[in-house]
Amino acid sequence: MTNAALTTIRNDWTSAEVQALFAQPFNDLLFQAQTVHRANFDPNAVQVSTLLSIKTGACPEDCKYCPQSNRYDTGLEKEKLMEVEKVLAEARAAKASGTTRFCMGAAWRSPKKKDMPYVTAMVRGVKEMGLETCMTLGMLTGEQAAELAEAGLDYYNHNLDTSPEYYGEIITTRTYQDRLVTLSNVRDAGIKVCSGGIVGMGESIKDRAGLLMQLANLPVQPESVPINMLVKVEGTPMADVADLDPFDFIRTIAVARIMMPKSHVRLSAGRESMNEEMHALAYFAGANSIFYGEKLLTTPNPKANKDLELFGRLGIKPEERHVEHDDDAQSEALLGAVEQAQNDRFFYDATA
C-alpha cells in the first residue's frame, strides 16, 4: 500500500471488498491493520474514557442483548436520573484516575423535554473540568442535538449495533433508519459521532462486514468506533448464544482500523472476558481507545489498575488530550443551568 492509501478515507466500500479483508490470513490482516494504524496514530498510545450510567433500567426498547430493557427479567434494579452534583463528583474522580473523556449514558428511548436541563447541566459541568464530554441518551431530534451542542457536548454515542440485514433479528422497536437519522442530527449539530456495534450475537461474517461498511460509508466517518463483544446476561434472549471465537473479534477490530484509518477504534463491552494476550492483540490490530473502570453501564469491566498494569508491560501510555474551554464562560453557564432547574432538585423519576 502507498503512503497515501494508508491515510486516505474512503466512503465507497463494497461488501465484496470488506468480506475480502475478513478472509485474509490472520497475520496478513494484522500486518495491514498495524501498518495503517502507525500511519495515522501513535501506536503506543490509547485514549482512555470512563462511562457512567446516569439513569439505569426501565428502557422500553426490546434490544435482545440488553439487561436494561423492561421486557426482560435480569434482576437489574431501575434507578432514577442521578443528581447533577453526583455525576460531577464521578467525573472529578475519573479525571483523577487518568480519564480524558467522560461518557454519560441513560437508558431512554429518547430524552424528554424535562430531561434536557439536567443533561445539559451535566455536560457543562464536566466540560468545565477540562474533560471531553460524551453522552448516549437514545434517539435525538435535531433540536435536542442542537441543545447538547450549545452546552458543549463533544461526542454523542449511538451505535448501529449490526448490519441492516441482521438488525431485525436483534431489535424491533426502532428501525435502522431511526438510528441513521439520529447520527445525521448529531453531525448536523456539530457534535462528533461515536458509533459502532456488537459482535457475537449470532451474526455472520457478512453481517460484520455490513456493519463496518455502514459506518465507513457514512458521509463523515465516526470519530470514535466502539466494537463491543456481546456480554451474555441471564434473562435476555441472548443469554445462550454461542461464544464468539476470539480471533473473529480481533479480525473485526483489524478490519475496522483499515476501513476507518483516522477513527479511534474502541474496545468496549466484553473486555472482562478477554485475557491479557487478547487485549494485546487487539491493540496491535489497531484498537486505541478503551472504557476504563469497573463497570460499563450495567456489565463488568476490568478494573482501572489492571489496565494500567498491562499498559506498563506493553509500553503503552494513555493518550493525552487537550480540551479548550473558557473557564469563566463555562462556570457562568453551569451556574445558570443549575439555577434554572433548582426547584426540581436535579432528581426525579426518569422512567415516569
Protein backbone atom coordinates (compact mmCIF):
# COMPACT_ATOMS: atom_id res chain seq x y z
CA MET A 1 0.00 0.00 0.00
CA THR A 2 1.21 3.50 -0.77
CA ASN A 3 1.56 6.10 1.96
CA ALA A 4 -1.45 7.93 0.53
CA ALA A 5 -3.55 4.78 0.64
CA LEU A 6 -2.70 4.30 4.32
CA THR A 7 -4.21 7.62 5.27
CA THR A 8 -6.98 8.08 2.69
CA ILE A 9 -10.55 7.96 3.99
CA ARG A 10 -12.95 6.11 1.70
CA ASN A 11 -16.74 6.25 1.83
CA ASP A 12 -17.36 3.87 -1.05
CA TRP A 13 -16.56 0.42 0.39
CA THR A 14 -18.35 -2.55 -1.19
CA SER A 15 -19.46 -5.70 0.59
CA ALA A 16 -17.12 -7.82 -1.52
CA GLU A 17 -14.10 -5.67 -0.57
CA VAL A 18 -14.88 -5.82 3.13
CA GLN A 19 -15.50 -9.57 3.12
CA ALA A 20 -12.17 -9.99 1.32
CA LEU A 21 -10.44 -8.17 4.17
CA PHE A 22 -12.04 -10.55 6.69
CA ALA A 23 -10.96 -13.53 4.57
CA GLN A 24 -7.25 -12.68 4.61
CA PRO A 25 -4.83 -14.89 6.54
CA PHE A 26 -4.79 -13.65 10.13
CA ASN A 27 -1.16 -12.48 10.10
CA ASP A 28 -1.60 -10.63 6.81
CA LEU A 29 -4.69 -8.86 8.12
CA LEU A 30 -2.99 -7.79 11.34
CA PHE A 31 0.10 -6.62 9.48
CA GLN A 32 -2.05 -4.46 7.19
CA ALA A 33 -4.05 -3.08 10.12
CA GLN A 34 -0.92 -2.25 12.14
CA THR A 35 0.62 -0.54 9.10
CA VAL A 36 -2.49 1.64 8.69
CA HIS A 37 -2.56 2.31 12.43
CA ARG A 38 1.05 3.52 12.52
CA ALA A 39 0.46 5.84 9.59
CA ASN A 40 -2.32 7.65 11.48
CA PHE A 41 -1.72 7.29 15.22
CA ASP A 42 0.94 6.83 17.87
CA PRO A 43 0.94 3.00 18.04
CA ASN A 44 1.72 3.05 21.76
CA ALA A 45 -0.98 5.46 22.95
CA VAL A 46 -4.52 4.55 23.96
CA GLN A 47 -7.31 7.04 24.60
CA VAL A 48 -8.96 6.43 27.98
CA SER A 49 -12.66 7.08 28.63
CA THR A 50 -14.94 6.48 31.61
CA LEU A 51 -18.61 5.56 31.17
CA LEU A 52 -21.19 6.31 33.85
CA SER A 53 -24.82 5.19 33.84
CA ILE A 54 -26.73 8.32 34.81
CA LYS A 55 -30.12 6.59 34.57
CA THR A 56 -30.40 2.81 34.70
CA GLY A 57 -33.05 0.33 33.56
CA ALA A 58 -36.74 0.53 32.59
CA CYS A 59 -35.94 1.10 28.90
CA PRO A 60 -38.96 0.41 26.64
CA GLU A 61 -36.82 -0.91 23.75
CA ASP A 62 -36.54 -4.66 23.05
CA CYS A 63 -32.81 -4.94 22.19
CA LYS A 64 -32.24 -8.67 22.77
CA TYR A 65 -28.78 -8.20 24.27
CA CYS A 66 -29.66 -5.52 26.80
CA PRO A 67 -30.33 -6.11 30.52
CA GLN A 68 -31.77 -2.59 30.79
CA SER A 69 -34.86 -3.44 28.73
CA ASN A 70 -38.03 -3.58 30.83
CA ARG A 71 -39.13 -6.56 28.72
CA TYR A 72 -36.61 -8.94 30.31
CA ASP A 73 -36.21 -10.16 33.88
CA THR A 74 -32.49 -9.80 34.54
CA GLY A 75 -32.62 -8.78 38.19
CA LEU A 76 -31.46 -5.27 37.32
CA GLU A 77 -32.94 -2.60 39.57
CA LYS A 78 -34.03 0.56 37.83
CA GLU A 79 -32.54 3.79 39.11
CA LYS A 80 -33.64 7.40 38.80
CA LEU A 81 -31.70 10.01 36.90
CA MET A 82 -28.67 10.91 39.01
CA GLU A 83 -28.29 14.28 40.65
CA VAL A 84 -26.08 16.60 38.65
CA GLU A 85 -23.62 17.07 41.51
CA LYS A 86 -23.23 13.31 41.94
CA VAL A 87 -22.41 12.99 38.24
CA LEU A 88 -19.84 15.77 38.52
CA ALA A 89 -18.28 14.07 41.55
CA GLU A 90 -17.88 10.88 39.47
CA ALA A 91 -16.31 12.94 36.68
CA ARG A 92 -13.78 14.50 39.06
CA ALA A 93 -12.80 11.04 40.31
CA ALA A 94 -12.48 9.77 36.74
CA LYS A 95 -10.23 12.66 35.79
CA ALA A 96 -8.02 11.98 38.82
CA SER A 97 -7.63 8.37 37.65
CA GLY A 98 -6.39 9.42 34.20
CA THR A 99 -9.56 9.61 32.12
CA THR A 100 -9.61 12.21 29.33
CA ARG A 101 -13.22 11.67 28.21
CA PHE A 102 -16.25 11.26 30.45
CA CYS A 103 -19.23 9.49 28.92
CA MET A 104 -22.73 9.53 30.40
CA GLY A 105 -25.41 7.04 29.41
CA ALA A 106 -29.15 6.98 30.12
CA ALA A 107 -31.50 4.08 29.38
CA TRP A 108 -34.06 6.02 27.39
CA ARG A 109 -35.71 5.51 24.03
CA SER A 110 -35.09 9.23 23.69
CA PRO A 111 -34.82 12.08 26.21
CA LYS A 112 -37.94 14.02 27.09
CA LYS A 113 -38.13 17.79 27.21
CA LYS A 114 -37.99 17.73 31.02
CA ASP A 115 -34.71 15.77 30.85
CA MET A 116 -32.75 18.29 28.83
CA PRO A 117 -31.92 20.88 31.56
CA TYR A 118 -30.33 18.15 33.66
CA VAL A 119 -28.23 16.53 30.96
CA THR A 120 -27.06 19.87 29.56
CA ALA A 121 -26.03 20.93 33.07
CA MET A 122 -24.01 17.71 33.35
CA VAL A 123 -22.28 18.44 30.05
CA ARG A 124 -21.37 21.97 31.11
CA GLY A 125 -20.06 20.81 34.47
CA VAL A 126 -17.89 18.03 33.04
CA LYS A 127 -16.63 20.31 30.29
CA GLU A 128 -15.58 22.88 32.88
CA MET A 129 -13.21 20.29 34.37
CA GLY A 130 -11.26 20.13 31.11
CA LEU A 131 -12.59 16.69 30.17
CA GLU A 132 -14.04 15.75 26.81
CA THR A 133 -17.75 15.03 27.10
CA CYS A 134 -19.81 12.24 25.60
CA MET A 135 -23.44 11.19 26.05
CA THR A 136 -25.67 8.35 24.92
CA LEU A 137 -29.34 9.07 25.53
CA GLY A 138 -31.11 7.21 22.73
CA MET A 139 -32.66 8.85 19.69
CA LEU A 140 -32.25 12.62 19.31
CA THR A 141 -34.20 15.20 17.38
CA GLY A 142 -32.34 17.97 15.62
CA GLU A 143 -33.44 20.39 18.34
CA GLN A 144 -32.13 18.16 21.13
CA ALA A 145 -28.82 17.70 19.33
CA ALA A 146 -28.52 21.48 19.00
CA GLU A 147 -29.17 21.91 22.75
CA LEU A 148 -26.43 19.44 23.60
CA ALA A 149 -24.05 21.13 21.17
CA GLU A 150 -24.76 24.52 22.72
CA ALA A 151 -23.94 23.05 26.14
CA GLY A 152 -20.56 21.96 24.79
CA LEU A 153 -21.03 18.23 24.13
CA ASP A 154 -18.03 16.83 22.25
CA TYR A 155 -19.26 13.33 21.31
CA TYR A 156 -22.59 11.55 21.03
CA ASN A 157 -22.74 7.76 21.07
CA HIS A 158 -25.42 5.99 19.08
CA ASN A 159 -24.48 2.52 17.84
CA LEU A 160 -25.80 0.85 14.71
CA ASP A 161 -25.32 -2.49 16.51
CA THR A 162 -25.17 -4.76 13.45
CA SER A 163 -25.81 -4.87 9.70
CA PRO A 164 -29.09 -3.62 8.24
CA GLU A 165 -29.90 -7.19 7.16
CA TYR A 166 -29.47 -8.71 10.65
CA TYR A 167 -30.86 -5.77 12.59
CA GLY A 168 -34.44 -7.09 12.69
CA GLU A 169 -33.24 -10.20 14.50
CA ILE A 170 -31.98 -8.03 17.35
CA ILE A 171 -34.34 -5.04 17.68
CA THR A 172 -37.90 -4.37 16.53
CA THR A 173 -38.85 -1.22 18.48
CA ARG A 174 -36.80 1.20 16.38
CA THR A 175 -35.61 0.99 12.81
CA TYR A 176 -32.15 1.15 11.33
CA GLN A 177 -33.18 4.38 9.64
CA ASP A 178 -34.10 5.82 13.05
CA ARG A 179 -30.50 5.27 14.11
CA LEU A 180 -29.10 6.84 10.96
CA VAL A 181 -31.35 9.89 11.42
CA THR A 182 -30.02 10.41 14.95
CA LEU A 183 -26.43 10.21 13.67
CA SER A 184 -27.30 12.77 11.00
CA ASN A 185 -28.87 15.10 13.58
CA VAL A 186 -25.78 14.81 15.78
CA ARG A 187 -23.42 15.52 12.89
CA ASP A 188 -25.51 18.47 11.68
CA ALA A 189 -25.32 19.98 15.18
CA GLY A 190 -21.52 19.94 15.05
CA ILE A 191 -21.07 17.14 17.60
CA LYS A 192 -18.54 14.38 16.92
CA VAL A 193 -20.01 10.94 16.29
CA CYS A 194 -19.29 7.82 18.32
CA SER A 195 -20.90 4.82 16.65
CA GLY A 196 -20.07 1.14 16.39
CA GLY A 197 -21.68 -2.18 17.09
CA ILE A 198 -21.72 -5.54 18.81
CA VAL A 199 -20.25 -8.80 17.57
CA GLY A 200 -21.04 -12.25 18.89
CA MET A 201 -24.85 -12.00 18.59
CA GLY A 202 -25.11 -14.91 16.16
CA GLU A 203 -24.42 -12.76 13.12
CA SER A 204 -22.43 -13.92 10.08
CA ILE A 205 -19.12 -12.56 8.82
CA LYS A 206 -21.15 -10.90 6.06
CA ASP A 207 -23.13 -9.08 8.77
CA ARG A 208 -19.94 -7.89 10.48
CA ALA A 209 -18.76 -6.65 7.11
CA GLY A 210 -22.13 -4.95 6.60
CA LEU A 211 -21.91 -3.14 9.94
CA LEU A 212 -18.43 -1.79 9.22
CA MET A 213 -19.42 -0.84 5.68
CA GLN A 214 -22.37 1.19 7.01
CA LEU A 215 -20.09 3.05 9.43
CA ALA A 216 -17.26 3.66 6.97
CA ASN A 217 -19.62 4.81 4.21
CA LEU A 218 -21.33 7.48 6.32
CA PRO A 219 -20.82 10.94 4.78
CA VAL A 220 -18.26 11.58 7.55
CA GLN A 221 -16.76 8.55 9.28
CA PRO A 222 -17.33 8.38 13.06
CA GLU A 223 -14.51 9.87 15.10
CA SER A 224 -14.94 7.02 17.56
CA VAL A 225 -15.93 3.43 16.71
CA PRO A 226 -16.71 1.20 19.71
CA ILE A 227 -16.50 -2.52 18.96
CA ASN A 228 -18.37 -4.46 21.64
CA MET A 229 -18.24 -8.19 22.25
CA LEU A 230 -21.59 -9.50 23.44
CA VAL A 231 -21.87 -9.81 27.21
CA LYS A 232 -24.37 -12.59 27.76
CA VAL A 233 -26.78 -11.68 30.58
CA GLU A 234 -29.14 -14.22 32.12
CA GLY A 235 -32.72 -13.26 31.38
CA THR A 236 -32.06 -11.70 27.99
CA PRO A 237 -32.86 -13.60 24.77
CA MET A 238 -29.14 -13.77 24.00
CA ALA A 239 -28.06 -15.40 27.25
CA ASP A 240 -27.31 -18.70 25.49
CA VAL A 241 -25.79 -17.52 22.21
CA ALA A 242 -22.65 -19.47 21.27
CA ASP A 243 -19.36 -17.89 22.34
CA LEU A 244 -17.55 -15.80 19.76
CA ASP A 245 -14.17 -17.06 18.56
CA PRO A 246 -11.64 -14.56 19.97
CA PHE A 247 -9.83 -14.41 16.63
CA ASP A 248 -13.07 -13.35 14.93
CA PHE A 249 -13.29 -10.43 17.35
CA ILE A 250 -9.68 -9.41 16.62
CA ARG A 251 -10.39 -9.63 12.88
CA THR A 252 -13.28 -7.20 13.35
CA ILE A 253 -11.00 -4.74 15.13
CA ALA A 254 -8.40 -5.02 12.36
CA VAL A 255 -10.90 -4.53 9.53
CA ALA A 256 -12.40 -1.53 11.32
CA ARG A 257 -8.93 0.01 11.59
CA ILE A 258 -8.21 -0.49 7.88
CA MET A 259 -11.57 0.90 6.76
CA MET A 260 -11.62 3.87 9.17
CA PRO A 261 -7.95 4.84 9.40
CA LYS A 262 -8.40 8.09 11.32
CA SER A 263 -11.11 6.95 13.75
CA HIS A 264 -10.42 5.86 17.30
CA VAL A 265 -11.38 2.18 17.47
CA ARG A 266 -12.55 1.40 20.99
CA LEU A 267 -12.52 -1.83 22.94
CA SER A 268 -15.83 -1.62 24.76
CA ALA A 269 -18.14 -4.18 26.36
CA GLY A 270 -16.81 -7.70 26.72
CA ARG A 271 -13.31 -6.80 27.90
CA GLU A 272 -13.87 -8.55 31.24
CA SER A 273 -13.80 -11.91 29.45
CA MET A 274 -10.66 -11.10 27.41
CA ASN A 275 -7.30 -12.26 28.73
CA GLU A 276 -4.18 -10.09 28.55
CA GLU A 277 -2.99 -11.73 25.35
CA MET A 278 -6.29 -10.92 23.62
CA HIS A 279 -6.06 -7.32 24.81
CA ALA A 280 -2.52 -7.07 23.43
CA LEU A 281 -3.61 -8.49 20.06
CA ALA A 282 -6.49 -6.01 19.91
CA TYR A 283 -4.09 -3.10 20.46
CA PHE A 284 -1.80 -4.49 17.76
CA ALA A 285 -4.81 -4.81 15.42
CA GLY A 286 -5.48 -1.09 15.79
CA ALA A 287 -7.66 -0.59 18.86
CA ASN A 288 -6.59 2.65 20.51
CA SER A 289 -9.36 3.55 22.91
CA ILE A 290 -10.88 1.83 25.95
CA PHE A 291 -13.51 2.37 28.58
CA TYR A 292 -11.79 2.49 31.94
CA GLY A 293 -13.22 1.44 35.29
CA GLU A 294 -15.15 -1.40 36.85
CA LYS A 295 -18.49 -1.14 35.05
CA LEU A 296 -19.84 -0.31 31.60
CA LEU A 297 -23.38 0.85 32.36
CA THR A 298 -24.55 -2.47 33.87
CA THR A 299 -21.92 -5.04 32.88
CA PRO A 300 -18.47 -5.73 34.35
CA ASN A 301 -15.29 -4.12 33.00
CA PRO A 302 -11.64 -4.65 34.01
CA LYS A 303 -10.53 -2.55 36.95
CA ALA A 304 -8.52 0.55 36.15
CA ASN A 305 -5.35 -0.66 37.85
CA LYS A 306 -5.37 -3.86 35.73
CA ASP A 307 -5.45 -1.76 32.58
CA LEU A 308 -2.59 0.44 33.77
CA GLU A 309 -0.52 -2.61 34.76
CA LEU A 310 -0.97 -4.10 31.29
CA PHE A 311 -0.21 -0.73 29.68
CA GLY A 312 3.09 -0.69 31.59
CA ARG A 313 4.02 -4.20 30.48
CA LEU A 314 3.19 -3.38 26.84
CA GLY A 315 4.86 0.04 26.84
CA ILE A 316 1.52 1.76 26.18
CA LYS A 317 0.65 5.16 27.60
CA PRO A 318 -2.71 6.90 27.95
CA GLU A 319 -3.27 9.32 25.10
CA GLU A 320 -3.13 12.97 26.14
CA ARG A 321 -6.00 15.14 25.01
CA HIS A 322 -6.40 18.87 25.40
CA VAL A 323 -9.86 20.41 25.68
CA GLU A 324 -10.11 24.12 25.03
CA HIS A 325 -12.63 25.95 27.16
CA ASP A 326 -13.23 29.30 28.73
CA ASP A 327 -13.38 28.70 32.50
CA ASP A 328 -15.37 31.86 33.25
CA ALA A 329 -17.88 31.25 30.48
CA GLN A 330 -18.32 27.60 31.39
CA SER A 331 -18.74 28.41 35.09
CA GLU A 332 -21.33 31.06 34.33
CA ALA A 333 -23.23 28.71 32.03
CA LEU A 334 -23.21 25.91 34.61
CA LEU A 335 -24.48 28.18 37.38
CA GLY A 336 -27.24 29.38 35.08
CA ALA A 337 -28.34 25.83 34.32
CA VAL A 338 -28.26 24.89 37.99
CA GLU A 339 -30.36 27.91 38.91
CA GLN A 340 -32.84 27.18 36.12
CA ALA A 341 -33.68 23.72 37.45
CA GLN A 342 -33.02 24.26 41.16
CA ASN A 343 -36.67 23.89 42.05
CA ASP A 344 -36.63 20.36 40.66
CA ARG A 345 -33.61 19.47 42.83
CA PHE A 346 -31.96 17.73 39.82
CA PHE A 347 -33.59 14.47 40.81
CA TYR A 348 -36.72 12.87 39.53
CA ASP A 349 -38.02 9.55 38.34
CA ALA A 350 -36.73 9.45 34.77
CA THR A 351 -38.95 6.47 33.98
CA ALA A 352 -42.11 8.49 34.57
